[in-house]
Amino acid sequence: YIELTSGMSHRHFMQYVAECCNAPTSGDVGVLRRAINRVVGPNTLLIFDELHKPILHAGKNTRLKIMDSIRDFNDEIGCGVMICGTNTLRDEITQGHMKLFLDQLNRRGVIKVQCPDMLELSDIWKFSTSYGLAQPKPKTPEHTLCEKIRRENGIGVFTKFLKNGMKYAKKKKARYTWKHFIASHDIIVSRNLPGWWKNQ
């Protein structure tokens, strides 16, 4: 899962993808691409979330390089690729300035899905399960907290809490459990900083 931000250069994009894939993050774009290709296999699904941020706020050259790299992951590795963004990104790809360039991508058997504004809880549990956290029972503190995050913040913030909970468990030299997820959440929220969810 790769949550993108505005203002990314092409190299910054590749470096961040490498970081999210636990690949080495030093070197030029070519070195980073090879590092990513070594750790990502054909059974991997790369999810690029918030793609509208780097694409819609970048110059044409950077836009094309980022989209080319995403296409290359599929070509070179054979892995699945999911790109997620706002309806503005959808319109840019299908009708905007990038339409001609992305026409080939559009014809590649792409499955287009209009997602609801809020994920189902069943989808949330798929994310938590990938971190080794089993689906909690209803009305437990962890279930209630996950439902609150899903409703008020969304999947991006939820995955940040999952990552921070795992870091917290590692710091405690313990197996990751919902207890660490909740503790990490409480520590972060207790800071009470405006926009805290954007920086974790």
C-alpha atoms as a PDB file:
ATOM      1  CA  TYR A   1       0.000   0.000   0.000  1.00  0.00           C
ATOM      2  CA  ILE A   2       1.574   3.255  -1.176  1.00  0.00           C
ATOM      3  CA  GLU A   3      -0.118   6.505  -0.142  1.00  0.00           C
ATOM      4  CA  LEU A   4       1.204   9.302  -2.338  1.00  0.00           C
ATOM      5  CA  THR A   5       1.572  13.011  -1.607  1.00  0.00           C
ATOM      6  CA  SER A   6       1.715  16.263  -3.551  1.00  0.00           C
ATOM      7  CA  GLY A   7       4.970  17.753  -4.782  1.00  0.00           C
ATOM      8  CA  MET A   8       6.705  14.480  -5.599  1.00  0.00           C
ATOM      9  CA  SER A   9       9.483  14.468  -8.172  1.00  0.00           C
ATOM     10  CA  HIS A  10       9.887  11.291 -10.200  1.00  0.00           C
ATOM     11  CA  ARG A  11      12.877  10.200  -8.096  1.00  0.00           C
ATOM     12  CA  HIS A  12      11.032  10.962  -4.860  1.00  0.00           C
ATOM     13  CA  PHE A  13       8.135   8.840  -6.132  1.00  0.00           C
ATOM     14  CA  MET A  14      10.428   5.900  -6.905  1.00  0.00           C
ATOM     15  CA  GLN A  15      12.230   6.298  -3.580  1.00  0.00           C
ATOM     16  CA  TYR A  16       8.940   6.227  -1.691  1.00  0.00           C
ATOM     17  CA  VAL A  17       7.724   3.150  -3.576  1.00  0.00           C
ATOM     18  CA  ALA A  18      11.007   1.435  -2.657  1.00  0.00           C
ATOM     19  CA  GLU A  19      10.549   2.403   1.011  1.00  0.00           C
ATOM     20  CA  CYS A  20       6.994   1.037   1.075  1.00  0.00           C
ATOM     21  CA  CYS A  21       8.215  -2.216  -0.497  1.00  0.00           C
ATOM     22  CA  ASN A  22      11.102  -2.555   1.989  1.00  0.00           C
ATOM     23  CA  ALA A  23      13.647  -2.144  -0.808  1.00  0.00           C
ATOM     24  CA  PRO A  24      16.856  -0.046  -0.633  1.00  0.00           C
ATOM     25  CA  THR A  25      16.086   3.658  -1.119  1.00  0.00           C
ATOM     26  CA  SER A  26      19.417   5.051  -2.328  1.00  0.00           C
ATOM     27  CA  GLY A  27      20.545   5.568  -5.897  1.00  0.00           C
ATOM     28  CA  ASP A  28      19.127   7.056  -9.066  1.00  0.00           C
ATOM     29  CA  VAL A  29      15.797   6.110 -10.648  1.00  0.00           C
ATOM     30  CA  GLY A  30      17.291   3.140 -12.510  1.00  0.00           C
ATOM     31  CA  VAL A  31      18.863   1.739  -9.341  1.00  0.00           C
ATOM     32  CA  LEU A  32      15.599   2.214  -7.435  1.00  0.00           C
ATOM     33  CA  ARG A  33      13.600   0.469 -10.162  1.00  0.00           C
ATOM     34  CA  ARG A  34      15.882  -2.563 -10.079  1.00  0.00           C
ATOM     35  CA  ALA A  35      15.734  -2.651  -6.268  1.00  0.00           C
ATOM     36  CA  ILE A  36      11.920  -2.632  -6.362  1.00  0.00           C
ATOM     37  CA  ASN A  37      11.830  -5.297  -9.080  1.00  0.00           C
ATOM     38  CA  ARG A  38      13.951  -7.594  -6.908  1.00  0.00           C
ATOM     39  CA  VAL A  39      11.605  -7.516  -3.904  1.00  0.00           C
ATOM     40  CA  VAL A  40       8.187  -7.313  -5.605  1.00  0.00           C
ATOM     41  CA  GLY A  41       6.919 -10.527  -7.195  1.00  0.00           C
ATOM     42  CA  PRO A  42       4.212 -11.322  -9.755  1.00  0.00           C
ATOM     43  CA  ASN A  43       1.811 -12.285  -6.937  1.00  0.00           C
ATOM     44  CA  THR A  44       2.064  -8.820  -5.367  1.00  0.00           C
ATOM     45  CA  LEU A  45      -0.617  -6.154  -5.679  1.00  0.00           C
ATOM     46  CA  LEU A  46       0.775  -2.607  -5.634  1.00  0.00           C
ATOM     47  CA  ILE A  47      -1.889  -0.138  -4.476  1.00  0.00           C
ATOM     48  CA  PHE A  48      -1.140   3.484  -5.360  1.00  0.00           C
ATOM     49  CA  ASP A  49      -3.528   5.578  -3.287  1.00  0.00           C
ATOM     50  CA  GLU A  50      -4.091   9.339  -3.599  1.00  0.00           C
ATOM     51  CA  LEU A  51      -2.535   9.259  -7.083  1.00  0.00           C
ATOM     52  CA  HIS A  52      -4.284  12.519  -7.910  1.00  0.00           C
ATOM     53  CA  LYS A  53      -1.930  14.364  -5.553  1.00  0.00           C
ATOM     54  CA  PRO A  54       1.370  13.881  -7.439  1.00  0.00           C
ATOM     55  CA  ILE A  55      -0.293  13.688 -10.867  1.00  0.00           C
ATOM     56  CA  LEU A  56      -2.545  16.747 -10.785  1.00  0.00           C
ATOM     57  CA  HIS A  57       0.008  18.962  -9.020  1.00  0.00           C
ATOM     58  CA  ALA A  58       3.068  18.104 -11.105  1.00  0.00           C
ATOM     59  CA  GLY A  59       4.442  19.302 -14.404  1.00  0.00           C
ATOM     60  CA  LYS A  60       3.658  17.311 -17.532  1.00  0.00           C
ATOM     61  CA  ASN A  61       7.102  15.678 -17.664  1.00  0.00           C
ATOM     62  CA  THR A  62       6.885  14.434 -14.053  1.00  0.00           C
ATOM     63  CA  ARG A  63       3.324  13.227 -14.561  1.00  0.00           C
ATOM     64  CA  LEU A  64       4.293  11.117 -17.540  1.00  0.00           C
ATOM     65  CA  LYS A  65       7.364   9.665 -15.827  1.00  0.00           C
ATOM     66  CA  ILE A  66       5.332   8.636 -12.771  1.00  0.00           C
ATOM     67  CA  MET A  67       2.621   7.026 -14.880  1.00  0.00           C
ATOM     68  CA  ASP A  68       5.276   5.324 -17.049  1.00  0.00           C
ATOM     69  CA  SER A  69       6.891   3.865 -13.931  1.00  0.00           C
ATOM     70  CA  ILE A  70       3.573   2.514 -12.667  1.00  0.00           C
ATOM     71  CA  ARG A  71       2.992   0.907 -16.062  1.00  0.00           C
ATOM     72  CA  ASP A  72       6.542  -0.504 -16.004  1.00  0.00           C
ATOM     73  CA  PHE A  73       5.918  -2.268 -12.678  1.00  0.00           C
ATOM     74  CA  ASN A  74       3.158  -4.235 -14.348  1.00  0.00           C
ATOM     75  CA  ASP A  75       5.198  -4.894 -17.511  1.00  0.00           C
ATOM     76  CA  GLU A  76       8.500  -5.828 -15.877  1.00  0.00           C
ATOM     77  CA  ILE A  77       7.312  -7.637 -12.746  1.00  0.00           C
ATOM     78  CA  GLY A  78       3.923  -8.898 -13.864  1.00  0.00           C
ATOM     79  CA  CYS A  79       2.387  -7.779 -10.565  1.00  0.00           C
ATOM     80  CA  GLY A  80      -1.071  -6.376 -10.137  1.00  0.00           C
ATOM     81  CA  VAL A  81      -1.430  -2.603 -10.008  1.00  0.00           C
ATOM     82  CA  MET A  82      -4.292  -0.647  -8.492  1.00  0.00           C
ATOM     83  CA  ILE A  83      -4.436   3.121  -8.858  1.00  0.00           C
ATOM     84  CA  CYS A  84      -6.789   5.067  -6.613  1.00  0.00           C
ATOM     85  CA  GLY A  85      -7.701   8.717  -6.690  1.00  0.00           C
ATOM     86  CA  THR A  86     -10.510  11.212  -6.778  1.00  0.00           C
ATOM     87  CA  ASN A  87     -13.003  11.609  -9.583  1.00  0.00           C
ATOM     88  CA  THR A  88     -10.810  14.471 -10.817  1.00  0.00           C
ATOM     89  CA  LEU A  89      -8.026  11.964 -11.520  1.00  0.00           C
ATOM     90  CA  ARG A  90     -10.503   9.686 -13.296  1.00  0.00           C
ATOM     91  CA  ASP A  91     -11.612  12.556 -15.519  1.00  0.00           C
ATOM     92  CA  GLU A  92      -8.014  13.583 -16.242  1.00  0.00           C
ATOM     93  CA  ILE A  93      -7.143  10.054 -17.360  1.00  0.00           C
ATOM     94  CA  THR A  94     -10.261   9.554 -19.485  1.00  0.00           C
ATOM     95  CA  GLN A  95     -10.936  13.062 -20.787  1.00  0.00           C
ATOM     96  CA  GLY A  96      -8.121  15.460 -19.858  1.00  0.00           C
ATOM     97  CA  HIS A  97      -4.664  16.374 -21.111  1.00  0.00           C
ATOM     98  CA  MET A  98      -3.297  12.903 -20.316  1.00  0.00           C
ATOM     99  CA  LYS A  99      -5.964  11.047 -22.285  1.00  0.00           C
ATOM    100  CA  LEU A 100      -3.889  10.376 -25.406  1.00  0.00           C
ATOM    101  CA  PHE A 101      -0.835   9.275 -23.453  1.00  0.00           C
ATOM    102  CA  LEU A 102      -2.868   7.020 -21.171  1.00  0.00           C
ATOM    103  CA  ASP A 103      -5.061   5.589 -23.892  1.00  0.00           C
ATOM    104  CA  GLN A 104      -2.822   2.522 -24.108  1.00  0.00           C
ATOM    105  CA  LEU A 105      -3.104   2.011 -20.351  1.00  0.00           C
ATOM    106  CA  ASN A 106      -6.846   2.461 -20.613  1.00  0.00           C
ATOM    107  CA  ARG A 107      -7.074  -0.348 -23.192  1.00  0.00           C
ATOM    108  CA  ARG A 108      -5.082  -2.888 -21.155  1.00  0.00           C
ATOM    109  CA  GLY A 109      -8.030  -4.717 -19.728  1.00  0.00           C
ATOM    110  CA  VAL A 110      -8.284  -2.139 -16.979  1.00  0.00           C
ATOM    111  CA  ILE A 111     -11.120  -2.771 -14.549  1.00  0.00           C
ATOM    112  CA  LYS A 112     -12.653   0.540 -13.512  1.00  0.00           C
ATOM    113  CA  VAL A 113     -14.408   0.647 -10.160  1.00  0.00           C
ATOM    114  CA  GLN A 114     -16.244   3.586  -8.644  1.00  0.00           C
ATOM    115  CA  CYS A 115     -15.629   3.107  -4.938  1.00  0.00           C
ATOM    116  CA  PRO A 116     -18.060   4.208  -2.241  1.00  0.00           C
ATOM    117  CA  ASP A 117     -17.109   7.093   0.006  1.00  0.00           C
ATOM    118  CA  MET A 118     -16.580   4.698   2.911  1.00  0.00           C
ATOM    119  CA  LEU A 119     -15.119   1.176   2.944  1.00  0.00           C
ATOM    120  CA  GLU A 120     -17.089  -1.741   4.322  1.00  0.00           C
ATOM    121  CA  LEU A 121     -15.836  -3.152   7.606  1.00  0.00           C
ATOM    122  CA  SER A 122     -15.087  -6.431   5.824  1.00  0.00           C
ATOM    123  CA  ASP A 123     -12.528  -4.562   3.705  1.00  0.00           C
ATOM    124  CA  ILE A 124     -10.973  -3.005   6.810  1.00  0.00           C
ATOM    125  CA  TRP A 125     -10.391  -6.487   8.249  1.00  0.00           C
ATOM    126  CA  LYS A 126      -8.551  -7.531   5.096  1.00  0.00           C
ATOM    127  CA  PHE A 127      -6.037  -4.761   5.763  1.00  0.00           C
ATOM    128  CA  SER A 128      -5.660  -5.637   9.441  1.00  0.00           C
ATOM    129  CA  THR A 129      -5.303  -9.358   8.657  1.00  0.00           C
ATOM    130  CA  SER A 130      -2.352  -8.562   6.382  1.00  0.00           C
ATOM    131  CA  TYR A 131      -0.634  -7.183   9.519  1.00  0.00           C
ATOM    132  CA  GLY A 132      -1.395 -10.359  11.471  1.00  0.00           C
ATOM    133  CA  LEU A 133      -4.364  -8.900  13.360  1.00  0.00           C
ATOM    134  CA  ALA A 134      -7.421 -11.162  13.293  1.00  0.00           C
ATOM    135  CA  GLN A 135     -10.874  -9.660  12.847  1.00  0.00           C
ATOM    136  CA  PRO A 136     -11.997  -8.477  16.300  1.00  0.00           C
ATOM    137  CA  LYS A 137     -15.293  -9.418  17.837  1.00  0.00           C
ATOM    138  CA  PRO A 138     -18.094  -6.831  17.707  1.00  0.00           C
ATOM    139  CA  LYS A 139     -18.332  -4.336  20.577  1.00  0.00           C
ATOM    140  CA  THR A 140     -14.732  -4.928  21.670  1.00  0.00           C
ATOM    141  CA  PRO A 141     -12.565  -1.803  22.083  1.00  0.00           C
ATOM    142  CA  GLU A 142     -10.564  -2.620  18.938  1.00  0.00           C
ATOM    143  CA  HIS A 143     -13.705  -3.187  16.857  1.00  0.00           C
ATOM    144  CA  THR A 144     -15.226   0.082  18.057  1.00  0.00           C
ATOM    145  CA  LEU A 145     -12.002   2.000  17.390  1.00  0.00           C
ATOM    146  CA  CYS A 146     -11.620   0.583  13.869  1.00  0.00           C
ATOM    147  CA  GLU A 147     -15.200   1.470  13.051  1.00  0.00           C
ATOM    148  CA  LYS A 148     -14.624   5.025  14.318  1.00  0.00           C
ATOM    149  CA  ILE A 149     -11.456   5.453  12.226  1.00  0.00           C
ATOM    150  CA  ARG A 150     -13.206   4.054   9.156  1.00  0.00           C
ATOM    151  CA  ARG A 151     -16.120   6.446   9.569  1.00  0.00           C
ATOM    152  CA  GLU A 152     -14.202   9.608  10.484  1.00  0.00           C
ATOM    153  CA  ASN A 153     -10.823   9.288   8.730  1.00  0.00           C
ATOM    154  CA  GLY A 154     -10.729   6.541   6.105  1.00  0.00           C
ATOM    155  CA  ILE A 155      -8.387   3.799   4.989  1.00  0.00           C
ATOM    156  CA  GLY A 156      -5.288   6.003   4.666  1.00  0.00           C
ATOM    157  CA  VAL A 157      -5.336   6.920   8.351  1.00  0.00           C
ATOM    158  CA  PHE A 158      -6.255   3.349   9.321  1.00  0.00           C
ATOM    159  CA  THR A 159      -3.181   1.931   7.556  1.00  0.00           C
ATOM    160  CA  LYS A 160      -1.009   4.563   9.260  1.00  0.00           C
ATOM    161  CA  PHE A 161      -2.282   3.349  12.621  1.00  0.00           C
ATOM    162  CA  LEU A 162      -1.599  -0.250  11.568  1.00  0.00           C
ATOM    163  CA  LYS A 163       1.990   0.661  10.690  1.00  0.00           C
ATOM    164  CA  ASN A 164       2.522   2.666  13.869  1.00  0.00           C
ATOM    165  CA  GLY A 165       1.056  -0.123  15.971  1.00  0.00           C
ATOM    166  CA  MET A 166       3.504  -2.566  14.422  1.00  0.00           C
ATOM    167  CA  LYS A 167       6.409  -0.207  15.168  1.00  0.00           C
ATOM    168  CA  TYR A 168       5.179   0.097  18.750  1.00  0.00           C
ATOM    169  CA  ALA A 169       5.051  -3.702  19.108  1.00  0.00           C
ATOM    170  CA  LYS A 170       8.577  -4.040  17.719  1.00  0.00           C
ATOM    171  CA  LYS A 171       9.795  -1.420  20.171  1.00  0.00           C
ATOM    172  CA  LYS A 172       8.272  -3.486  22.971  1.00  0.00           C
ATOM    173  CA  LYS A 173       9.803  -6.647  21.417  1.00  0.00           C
ATOM    174  CA  ALA A 174       6.364  -8.239  21.405  1.00  0.00           C
ATOM    175  CA  ARG A 175       4.132  -9.972  18.876  1.00  0.00           C
ATOM    176  CA  TYR A 176       1.836  -7.418  17.261  1.00  0.00           C
ATOM    177  CA  THR A 177      -1.676  -7.481  18.729  1.00  0.00           C
ATOM    178  CA  TRP A 178      -4.681  -5.167  18.832  1.00  0.00           C
ATOM    179  CA  LYS A 179      -3.392  -3.969  22.220  1.00  0.00           C
ATOM    180  CA  HIS A 180      -0.432  -2.323  20.436  1.00  0.00           C
ATOM    181  CA  PHE A 181      -2.728  -0.866  17.761  1.00  0.00           C
ATOM    182  CA  ILE A 182      -4.902   0.790  20.410  1.00  0.00           C
ATOM    183  CA  ALA A 183      -1.928   2.009  22.448  1.00  0.00           C
ATOM    184  CA  SER A 184      -0.268   3.509  19.377  1.00  0.00           C
ATOM    185  CA  HIS A 185      -3.532   5.211  18.407  1.00  0.00           C
ATOM    186  CA  ASP A 186      -3.954   6.697  21.881  1.00  0.00           C
ATOM    187  CA  ILE A 187      -0.371   7.994  21.948  1.00  0.00           C
ATOM    188  CA  ILE A 188      -0.742   9.691  18.571  1.00  0.00           C
ATOM    189  CA  VAL A 189      -4.149  11.226  19.269  1.00  0.00           C
ATOM    190  CA  SER A 190      -3.046  12.430  22.708  1.00  0.00           C
ATOM    191  CA  ARG A 191      -0.610  14.767  20.963  1.00  0.00           C
ATOM    192  CA  ASN A 192      -3.715  16.602  19.762  1.00  0.00           C
ATOM    193  CA  LEU A 193      -1.828  18.291  16.908  1.00  0.00           C
ATOM    194  CA  PRO A 194      -3.840  19.797  14.022  1.00  0.00           C
ATOM    195  CA  GLY A 195      -3.594  17.481  11.048  1.00  0.00           C
ATOM    196  CA  TRP A 196      -1.784  14.798  13.071  1.00  0.00           C
ATOM    197  CA  TRP A 197      -3.124  12.053  10.779  1.00  0.00           C
ATOM    198  CA  LYS A 198      -1.202  13.513   7.809  1.00  0.00           C
ATOM    199  CA  ASN A 199       2.201  13.173   9.421  1.00  0.00           C
ATOM    200  CA  GLN A 200       2.241   9.702  10.959  1.00  0.00           C
END
